[in-house]
Amino acid sequence: MPRGKTATILKEHLVEIVSDSGEGAQRCGQAFGSIAARMGNGVWTVEIIPAEIRPPARSVAGGSGNRIRLGSGPITNAATKPTW
């Protein structure tokens, strides 16, 4: 780590990887989540599915990707705590 810089450890963080449908955003999100899990992080993912089958290019309806929650501990689902 460069001199004078300190690392910040976050308890939890949300990352969204979104692009036009068919451009690989879902695969990128899956790979990111898999790598984060192998590094020992808690991971929860959900796919962002396009609203239309063939939406116009660069439209909101064509957004596709993954929402990934990362944490230093167990992650169960969106905004809930483990029950154990």
PDB file of N, CA and C in Angstrom:
ATOM      1  N   MET A   1       0.850  -1.181   0.000  1.00  0.00           N
ATOM      2  CA  MET A   1       0.000   0.000   0.000  1.00  0.00           C
ATOM      3  C   MET A   1       0.898   1.248   0.000  1.00  0.00           C
ATOM      4  N   PRO A   2       0.588   2.257  -0.817  1.00  0.00           N
ATOM      5  CA  PRO A   2       1.412   3.469  -0.865  1.00  0.00           C
ATOM      6  C   PRO A   2       1.488   4.153   0.496  1.00  0.00           C
ATOM      7  N   ARG A   3       2.603   4.783   0.736  1.00  0.00           N
ATOM      8  CA  ARG A   3       2.820   5.495   1.992  1.00  0.00           C
ATOM      9  C   ARG A   3       1.792   6.607   2.183  1.00  0.00           C
ATOM     10  N   GLY A   4       1.316   6.770   3.401  1.00  0.00           N
ATOM     11  CA  GLY A   4       0.365   7.836   3.708  1.00  0.00           C
ATOM     12  C   GLY A   4      -1.088   7.469   3.436  1.00  0.00           C
ATOM     13  N   LYS A   5      -1.326   6.318   2.861  1.00  0.00           N
ATOM     14  CA  LYS A   5      -2.695   5.871   2.570  1.00  0.00           C
ATOM     15  C   LYS A   5      -3.084   4.790   3.571  1.00  0.00           C
ATOM     16  N   THR A   6      -4.335   4.829   4.002  1.00  0.00           N
ATOM     17  CA  THR A   6      -4.825   3.790   4.899  1.00  0.00           C
ATOM     18  C   THR A   6      -6.024   3.102   4.256  1.00  0.00           C
ATOM     19  N   ALA A   7      -6.159   1.836   4.536  1.00  0.00           N
ATOM     20  CA  ALA A   7      -7.289   1.075   4.008  1.00  0.00           C
ATOM     21  C   ALA A   7      -8.505   1.299   4.891  1.00  0.00           C
ATOM     22  N   THR A   8      -9.666   1.381   4.275  1.00  0.00           N
ATOM     23  CA  THR A   8     -10.924   1.487   5.001  1.00  0.00           C
ATOM     24  C   THR A   8     -11.660   0.168   4.865  1.00  0.00           C
ATOM     25  N   ILE A   9     -11.992  -0.430   5.990  1.00  0.00           N
ATOM     26  CA  ILE A   9     -12.727  -1.690   5.968  1.00  0.00           C
ATOM     27  C   ILE A   9     -14.199  -1.379   6.185  1.00  0.00           C
ATOM     28  N   LEU A  10     -15.019  -1.774   5.214  1.00  0.00           N
ATOM     29  CA  LEU A  10     -16.457  -1.547   5.295  1.00  0.00           C
ATOM     30  C   LEU A  10     -17.145  -2.804   5.778  1.00  0.00           C
ATOM     31  N   LYS A  11     -18.137  -2.655   6.630  1.00  0.00           N
ATOM     32  CA  LYS A  11     -18.904  -3.803   7.097  1.00  0.00           C
ATOM     33  C   LYS A  11     -19.719  -4.393   5.950  1.00  0.00           C
ATOM     34  N   GLU A  12     -20.237  -3.519   5.096  1.00  0.00           N
ATOM     35  CA  GLU A  12     -21.085  -3.945   3.994  1.00  0.00           C
ATOM     36  C   GLU A  12     -21.040  -2.905   2.885  1.00  0.00           C
ATOM     37  N   HIS A  13     -21.148  -3.374   1.624  1.00  0.00           N
ATOM     38  CA  HIS A  13     -21.136  -2.457   0.484  1.00  0.00           C
ATOM     39  C   HIS A  13     -21.990  -3.041  -0.632  1.00  0.00           C
ATOM     40  N   LEU A  14     -22.618  -2.180  -1.415  1.00  0.00           N
ATOM     41  CA  LEU A  14     -23.466  -2.594  -2.532  1.00  0.00           C
ATOM     42  C   LEU A  14     -22.829  -2.151  -3.840  1.00  0.00           C
ATOM     43  N   VAL A  15     -22.731  -3.086  -4.798  1.00  0.00           N
ATOM     44  CA  VAL A  15     -22.176  -2.804  -6.121  1.00  0.00           C
ATOM     45  C   VAL A  15     -23.209  -3.233  -7.157  1.00  0.00           C
ATOM     46  N   GLU A  16     -23.452  -2.381  -8.155  1.00  0.00           N
ATOM     47  CA  GLU A  16     -24.335  -2.750  -9.266  1.00  0.00           C
ATOM     48  C   GLU A  16     -23.528  -2.680 -10.553  1.00  0.00           C
ATOM     49  N   ILE A  17     -23.593  -3.750 -11.330  1.00  0.00           N
ATOM     50  CA  ILE A  17     -22.952  -3.794 -12.640  1.00  0.00           C
ATOM     51  C   ILE A  17     -24.079  -3.919 -13.650  1.00  0.00           C
ATOM     52  N   VAL A  18     -24.316  -2.849 -14.415  1.00  0.00           N
ATOM     53  CA  VAL A  18     -25.469  -2.786 -15.312  1.00  0.00           C
ATOM     54  C   VAL A  18     -25.022  -2.277 -16.681  1.00  0.00           C
ATOM     55  N   SER A  19     -25.591  -2.864 -17.726  1.00  0.00           N
ATOM     56  CA  SER A  19     -25.329  -2.438 -19.094  1.00  0.00           C
ATOM     57  C   SER A  19     -26.525  -2.830 -19.951  1.00  0.00           C
ATOM     58  N   ASP A  20     -26.448  -2.570 -21.237  1.00  0.00           N
ATOM     59  CA  ASP A  20     -27.505  -3.013 -22.147  1.00  0.00           C
ATOM     60  C   ASP A  20     -27.561  -4.534 -22.156  1.00  0.00           C
ATOM     61  N   SER A  21     -28.738  -5.063 -22.353  1.00  0.00           N
ATOM     62  CA  SER A  21     -28.926  -6.507 -22.430  1.00  0.00           C
ATOM     63  C   SER A  21     -28.041  -7.097 -23.519  1.00  0.00           C
ATOM     64  N   GLY A  22     -27.355  -8.188 -23.202  1.00  0.00           N
ATOM     65  CA  GLY A  22     -26.507  -8.851 -24.181  1.00  0.00           C
ATOM     66  C   GLY A  22     -25.068  -8.392 -24.203  1.00  0.00           C
ATOM     67  N   GLU A  23     -24.686  -7.424 -23.372  1.00  0.00           N
ATOM     68  CA  GLU A  23     -23.312  -6.921 -23.378  1.00  0.00           C
ATOM     69  C   GLU A  23     -22.421  -7.552 -22.309  1.00  0.00           C
ATOM     70  N   GLY A  24     -22.939  -8.537 -21.563  1.00  0.00           N
ATOM     71  CA  GLY A  24     -22.104  -9.269 -20.619  1.00  0.00           C
ATOM     72  C   GLY A  24     -22.097  -8.761 -19.194  1.00  0.00           C
ATOM     73  N   ALA A  25     -22.997  -7.853 -18.840  1.00  0.00           N
ATOM     74  CA  ALA A  25     -23.007  -7.309 -17.485  1.00  0.00           C
ATOM     75  C   ALA A  25     -23.364  -8.373 -16.448  1.00  0.00           C
ATOM     76  N   GLN A  26     -24.278  -9.277 -16.767  1.00  0.00           N
ATOM     77  CA  GLN A  26     -24.642 -10.324 -15.813  1.00  0.00           C
ATOM     78  C   GLN A  26     -23.457 -11.263 -15.574  1.00  0.00           C
ATOM     79  N   ARG A  27     -22.767 -11.637 -16.619  1.00  0.00           N
ATOM     80  CA  ARG A  27     -21.603 -12.515 -16.467  1.00  0.00           C
ATOM     81  C   ARG A  27     -20.508 -11.818 -15.668  1.00  0.00           C
ATOM     82  N   CYS A  28     -20.300 -10.548 -15.922  1.00  0.00           N
ATOM     83  CA  CYS A  28     -19.303  -9.768 -15.182  1.00  0.00           C
ATOM     84  C   CYS A  28     -19.668  -9.729 -13.694  1.00  0.00           C
ATOM     85  N   GLY A  29     -20.941  -9.501 -13.390  1.00  0.00           N
ATOM     86  CA  GLY A  29     -21.396  -9.471 -12.007  1.00  0.00           C
ATOM     87  C   GLY A  29     -21.236 -10.816 -11.326  1.00  0.00           C
ATOM     88  N   GLN A  30     -21.509 -11.905 -12.050  1.00  0.00           N
ATOM     89  CA  GLN A  30     -21.332 -13.248 -11.496  1.00  0.00           C
ATOM     90  C   GLN A  30     -19.862 -13.518 -11.182  1.00  0.00           C
ATOM     91  N   ALA A  31     -18.980 -13.121 -12.082  1.00  0.00           N
ATOM     92  CA  ALA A  31     -17.542 -13.315 -11.862  1.00  0.00           C
ATOM     93  C   ALA A  31     -17.064 -12.482 -10.674  1.00  0.00           C
ATOM     94  N   PHE A  32     -17.506 -11.244 -10.589  1.00  0.00           N
ATOM     95  CA  PHE A  32     -17.122 -10.363  -9.480  1.00  0.00           C
ATOM     96  C   PHE A  32     -17.569 -10.961  -8.143  1.00  0.00           C
ATOM     97  N   GLY A  33     -18.817 -11.430  -8.070  1.00  0.00           N
ATOM     98  CA  GLY A  33     -19.332 -12.037  -6.847  1.00  0.00           C
ATOM     99  C   GLY A  33     -18.580 -13.293  -6.475  1.00  0.00           C
ATOM    100  N   SER A  34     -18.250 -14.115  -7.457  1.00  0.00           N
ATOM    101  CA  SER A  34     -17.512 -15.347  -7.220  1.00  0.00           C
ATOM    102  C   SER A  34     -16.109 -15.063  -6.679  1.00  0.00           C
ATOM    103  N   ILE A  35     -15.435 -14.115  -7.267  1.00  0.00           N
ATOM    104  CA  ILE A  35     -14.094 -13.740  -6.809  1.00  0.00           C
ATOM    105  C   ILE A  35     -14.153 -13.173  -5.394  1.00  0.00           C
ATOM    106  N   ALA A  36     -15.132 -12.315  -5.133  1.00  0.00           N
ATOM    107  CA  ALA A  36     -15.277 -11.728  -3.793  1.00  0.00           C
ATOM    108  C   ALA A  36     -15.533 -12.808  -2.745  1.00  0.00           C
ATOM    109  N   ALA A  37     -16.344 -13.817  -3.095  1.00  0.00           N
ATOM    110  CA  ALA A  37     -16.630 -14.910  -2.162  1.00  0.00           C
ATOM    111  C   ALA A  37     -15.377 -15.739  -1.893  1.00  0.00           C
ATOM    112  N   ARG A  38     -14.588 -16.002  -2.938  1.00  0.00           N
ATOM    113  CA  ARG A  38     -13.352 -16.769  -2.758  1.00  0.00           C
ATOM    114  C   ARG A  38     -12.338 -16.028  -1.906  1.00  0.00           C
ATOM    115  N   MET A  39     -12.465 -14.702  -1.844  1.00  0.00           N
ATOM    116  CA  MET A  39     -11.572 -13.899  -1.002  1.00  0.00           C
ATOM    117  C   MET A  39     -12.049 -13.857   0.449  1.00  0.00           C
ATOM    118  N   GLY A  40     -13.164 -14.544   0.750  1.00  0.00           N
ATOM    119  CA  GLY A  40     -13.624 -14.631   2.133  1.00  0.00           C
ATOM    120  C   GLY A  40     -14.729 -13.656   2.508  1.00  0.00           C
ATOM    121  N   ASN A  41     -15.264 -12.946   1.558  1.00  0.00           N
ATOM    122  CA  ASN A  41     -16.347 -12.000   1.830  1.00  0.00           C
ATOM    123  C   ASN A  41     -17.698 -12.699   1.810  1.00  0.00           C
ATOM    124  N   GLY A  42     -18.648 -12.174   2.574  1.00  0.00           N
ATOM    125  CA  GLY A  42     -20.023 -12.609   2.442  1.00  0.00           C
ATOM    126  C   GLY A  42     -20.587 -11.970   1.183  1.00  0.00           C
ATOM    127  N   VAL A  43     -21.327 -12.722   0.387  1.00  0.00           N
ATOM    128  CA  VAL A  43     -21.825 -12.215  -0.895  1.00  0.00           C
ATOM    129  C   VAL A  43     -23.287 -12.590  -1.063  1.00  0.00           C
ATOM    130  N   TRP A  44     -24.082 -11.642  -1.558  1.00  0.00           N
ATOM    131  CA  TRP A  44     -25.482 -11.877  -1.934  1.00  0.00           C
ATOM    132  C   TRP A  44     -25.675 -11.191  -3.275  1.00  0.00           C
ATOM    133  N   THR A  45     -26.211 -11.911  -4.263  1.00  0.00           N
ATOM    134  CA  THR A  45     -26.420 -11.314  -5.584  1.00  0.00           C
ATOM    135  C   THR A  45     -27.856 -11.510  -6.049  1.00  0.00           C
ATOM    136  N   VAL A  46     -28.295 -10.615  -6.899  1.00  0.00           N
ATOM    137  CA  VAL A  46     -29.587 -10.744  -7.568  1.00  0.00           C
ATOM    138  C   VAL A  46     -29.405 -10.203  -8.987  1.00  0.00           C
ATOM    139  N   GLU A  47     -30.007 -10.888  -9.933  1.00  0.00           N
ATOM    140  CA  GLU A  47     -29.898 -10.452 -11.325  1.00  0.00           C
ATOM    141  C   GLU A  47     -30.891  -9.333 -11.611  1.00  0.00           C
ATOM    142  N   ILE A  48     -30.459  -8.383 -12.411  1.00  0.00           N
ATOM    143  CA  ILE A  48     -31.321  -7.319 -12.909  1.00  0.00           C
ATOM    144  C   ILE A  48     -31.705  -7.737 -14.326  1.00  0.00           C
ATOM    145  N   ILE A  49     -32.969  -8.068 -14.511  1.00  0.00           N
ATOM    146  CA  ILE A  49     -33.454  -8.609 -15.779  1.00  0.00           C
ATOM    147  C   ILE A  49     -34.117  -7.495 -16.598  1.00  0.00           C
ATOM    148  N   PRO A  50     -33.901  -7.455 -17.932  1.00  0.00           N
ATOM    149  CA  PRO A  50     -34.543  -6.436 -18.758  1.00  0.00           C
ATOM    150  C   PRO A  50     -36.070  -6.494 -18.660  1.00  0.00           C
ATOM    151  N   ALA A  51     -36.693  -5.342 -18.740  1.00  0.00           N
ATOM    152  CA  ALA A  51     -38.151  -5.255 -18.651  1.00  0.00           C
ATOM    153  C   ALA A  51     -38.835  -5.734 -19.932  1.00  0.00           C
ATOM    154  N   GLU A  52     -38.132  -5.698 -21.039  1.00  0.00           N
ATOM    155  CA  GLU A  52     -38.714  -6.091 -22.325  1.00  0.00           C
ATOM    156  C   GLU A  52     -37.830  -7.142 -22.982  1.00  0.00           C
ATOM    157  N   ILE A  53     -38.415  -7.934 -23.876  1.00  0.00           N
ATOM    158  CA  ILE A  53     -37.639  -8.967 -24.562  1.00  0.00           C
ATOM    159  C   ILE A  53     -36.646  -8.344 -25.537  1.00  0.00           C
ATOM    160  N   ARG A  54     -37.082  -7.400 -26.333  1.00  0.00           N
ATOM    161  CA  ARG A  54     -36.188  -6.701 -27.264  1.00  0.00           C
ATOM    162  C   ARG A  54     -36.337  -5.194 -27.081  1.00  0.00           C
ATOM    163  N   PRO A  55     -35.781  -4.655 -26.021  1.00  0.00           N
ATOM    164  CA  PRO A  55     -35.925  -3.223 -25.777  1.00  0.00           C
ATOM    165  C   PRO A  55     -35.050  -2.414 -26.735  1.00  0.00           C
ATOM    166  N   PRO A  56     -35.403  -1.163 -26.928  1.00  0.00           N
ATOM    167  CA  PRO A  56     -34.558  -0.293 -27.746  1.00  0.00           C
ATOM    168  C   PRO A  56     -33.179  -0.153 -27.106  1.00  0.00           C
ATOM    169  N   ALA A  57     -32.148  -0.075 -27.919  1.00  0.00           N
ATOM    170  CA  ALA A  57     -30.786   0.072 -27.401  1.00  0.00           C
ATOM    171  C   ALA A  57     -30.662   1.335 -26.559  1.00  0.00           C
ATOM    172  N   ARG A  58     -29.886   1.228 -25.502  1.00  0.00           N
ATOM    173  CA  ARG A  58     -29.592   2.343 -24.573  1.00  0.00           C
ATOM    174  C   ARG A  58     -30.827   2.892 -23.867  1.00  0.00           C
ATOM    175  N   SER A  59     -31.855   2.055 -23.695  1.00  0.00           N
ATOM    176  CA  SER A  59     -33.052   2.494 -22.976  1.00  0.00           C
ATOM    177  C   SER A  59     -33.050   1.894 -21.571  1.00  0.00           C
ATOM    178  N   VAL A  60     -33.767   2.519 -20.662  1.00  0.00           N
ATOM    179  CA  VAL A  60     -33.869   2.030 -19.290  1.00  0.00           C
ATOM    180  C   VAL A  60     -34.473   0.626 -19.271  1.00  0.00           C
ATOM    181  N   ALA A  61     -35.408   0.352 -20.164  1.00  0.00           N
ATOM    182  CA  ALA A  61     -36.066  -0.960 -20.214  1.00  0.00           C
ATOM    183  C   ALA A  61     -35.096  -2.074 -20.599  1.00  0.00           C
ATOM    184  N   GLY A  62     -33.951  -1.735 -21.172  1.00  0.00           N
ATOM    185  CA  GLY A  62     -32.988  -2.737 -21.607  1.00  0.00           C
ATOM    186  C   GLY A  62     -31.870  -2.992 -20.623  1.00  0.00           C
ATOM    187  N   GLY A  63     -31.940  -2.390 -19.439  1.00  0.00           N
ATOM    188  CA  GLY A  63     -30.886  -2.572 -18.440  1.00  0.00           C
ATOM    189  C   GLY A  63     -30.797  -4.009 -17.961  1.00  0.00           C
ATOM    190  N   SER A  64     -29.594  -4.545 -17.929  1.00  0.00           N
ATOM    191  CA  SER A  64     -29.358  -5.924 -17.512  1.00  0.00           C
ATOM    192  C   SER A  64     -28.080  -5.943 -16.683  1.00  0.00           C
ATOM    193  N   GLY A  65     -28.040  -6.790 -15.650  1.00  0.00           N
ATOM    194  CA  GLY A  65     -26.823  -6.873 -14.854  1.00  0.00           C
ATOM    195  C   GLY A  65     -27.041  -7.589 -13.544  1.00  0.00           C
ATOM    196  N   ASN A  66     -26.220  -7.250 -12.553  1.00  0.00           N
ATOM    197  CA  ASN A  66     -26.283  -7.855 -11.230  1.00  0.00           C
ATOM    198  C   ASN A  66     -26.147  -6.786 -10.148  1.00  0.00           C
ATOM    199  N   ARG A  67     -26.849  -7.013  -9.055  1.00  0.00           N
ATOM    200  CA  ARG A  67     -26.685  -6.210  -7.836  1.00  0.00           C
ATOM    201  C   ARG A  67     -25.986  -7.131  -6.840  1.00  0.00           C
ATOM    202  N   ILE A  68     -24.836  -6.696  -6.314  1.00  0.00           N
ATOM    203  CA  ILE A  68     -24.023  -7.531  -5.440  1.00  0.00           C
ATOM    204  C   ILE A  68     -23.818  -6.828  -4.104  1.00  0.00           C
ATOM    205  N   ARG A  69     -24.225  -7.501  -3.014  1.00  0.00           N
ATOM    206  CA  ARG A  69     -23.951  -6.995  -1.675  1.00  0.00           C
ATOM    207  C   ARG A  69     -22.768  -7.777  -1.130  1.00  0.00           C
ATOM    208  N   LEU A  70     -21.734  -7.062  -0.683  1.00  0.00           N
ATOM    209  CA  LEU A  70     -20.538  -7.665  -0.109  1.00  0.00           C
ATOM    210  C   LEU A  70     -20.472  -7.296   1.357  1.00  0.00           C
ATOM    211  N   GLY A  71     -19.948  -8.185   2.166  1.00  0.00           N
ATOM    212  CA  GLY A  71     -19.802  -7.881   3.576  1.00  0.00           C
ATOM    213  C   GLY A  71     -18.651  -8.636   4.189  1.00  0.00           C
ATOM    214  N   SER A  72     -18.163  -8.117   5.310  1.00  0.00           N
ATOM    215  CA  SER A  72     -17.072  -8.777   6.019  1.00  0.00           C
ATOM    216  C   SER A  72     -17.573  -9.979   6.812  1.00  0.00           C
ATOM    217  N   GLY A  73     -18.900 -10.100   6.948  1.00  0.00           N
ATOM    218  CA  GLY A  73     -19.511 -11.238   7.633  1.00  0.00           C
ATOM    219  C   GLY A  73     -20.566 -11.856   6.737  1.00  0.00           C
ATOM    220  N   PRO A  74     -21.400 -12.744   7.290  1.00  0.00           N
ATOM    221  CA  PRO A  74     -22.445 -13.381   6.486  1.00  0.00           C
ATOM    222  C   PRO A  74     -23.452 -12.373   5.926  1.00  0.00           C
ATOM    223  N   ILE A  75     -23.847 -12.557   4.687  1.00  0.00           N
ATOM    224  CA  ILE A  75     -24.866 -11.747   4.029  1.00  0.00           C
ATOM    225  C   ILE A  75     -25.994 -12.706   3.660  1.00  0.00           C
ATOM    226  N   THR A  76     -27.212 -12.449   4.139  1.00  0.00           N
ATOM    227  CA  THR A  76     -28.306 -13.372   3.878  1.00  0.00           C
ATOM    228  C   THR A  76     -29.186 -12.940   2.716  1.00  0.00           C
ATOM    229  N   ASN A  77     -29.647 -11.717   2.702  1.00  0.00           N
ATOM    230  CA  ASN A  77     -30.410 -11.151   1.586  1.00  0.00           C
ATOM    231  C   ASN A  77     -30.502  -9.653   1.790  1.00  0.00           C
ATOM    232  N   ALA A  78     -31.287  -8.956   0.993  1.00  0.00           N
ATOM    233  CA  ALA A  78     -31.320  -7.494   1.057  1.00  0.00           C
ATOM    234  C   ALA A  78     -31.792  -6.985   2.411  1.00  0.00           C
ATOM    235  N   ALA A  79     -30.914  -6.375   3.150  1.00  0.00           N
ATOM    236  CA  ALA A  79     -31.209  -5.628   4.371  1.00  0.00           C
ATOM    237  C   ALA A  79     -31.788  -6.442   5.522  1.00  0.00           C
ATOM    238  N   THR A  80     -31.494  -7.716   5.599  1.00  0.00           N
ATOM    239  CA  THR A  80     -31.913  -8.475   6.760  1.00  0.00           C
ATOM    240  C   THR A  80     -30.707  -9.062   7.448  1.00  0.00           C
ATOM    241  N   LYS A  81     -30.855  -9.340   8.747  1.00  0.00           N
ATOM    242  CA  LYS A  81     -29.751  -9.886   9.526  1.00  0.00           C
ATOM    243  C   LYS A  81     -29.947 -11.390   9.702  1.00  0.00           C
ATOM    244  N   PRO A  82     -28.855 -12.124   9.898  1.00  0.00           N
ATOM    245  CA  PRO A  82     -28.991 -13.565  10.124  1.00  0.00           C
ATOM    246  C   PRO A  82     -29.871 -13.849  11.328  1.00  0.00           C
ATOM    247  N   THR A  83     -30.576 -14.971  11.293  1.00  0.00           N
ATOM    248  CA  THR A  83     -31.480 -15.311  12.387  1.00  0.00           C
ATOM    249  C   THR A  83     -30.826 -16.224  13.417  1.00  0.00           C
ATOM    250  N   TRP A  84     -29.596 -16.652  13.201  1.00  0.00           N
ATOM    251  CA  TRP A  84     -28.968 -17.543  14.179  1.00  0.00           C
ATOM    252  C   TRP A  84     -28.199 -16.801  15.239  1.00  0.00           C
TER     253      TRP A  84
END
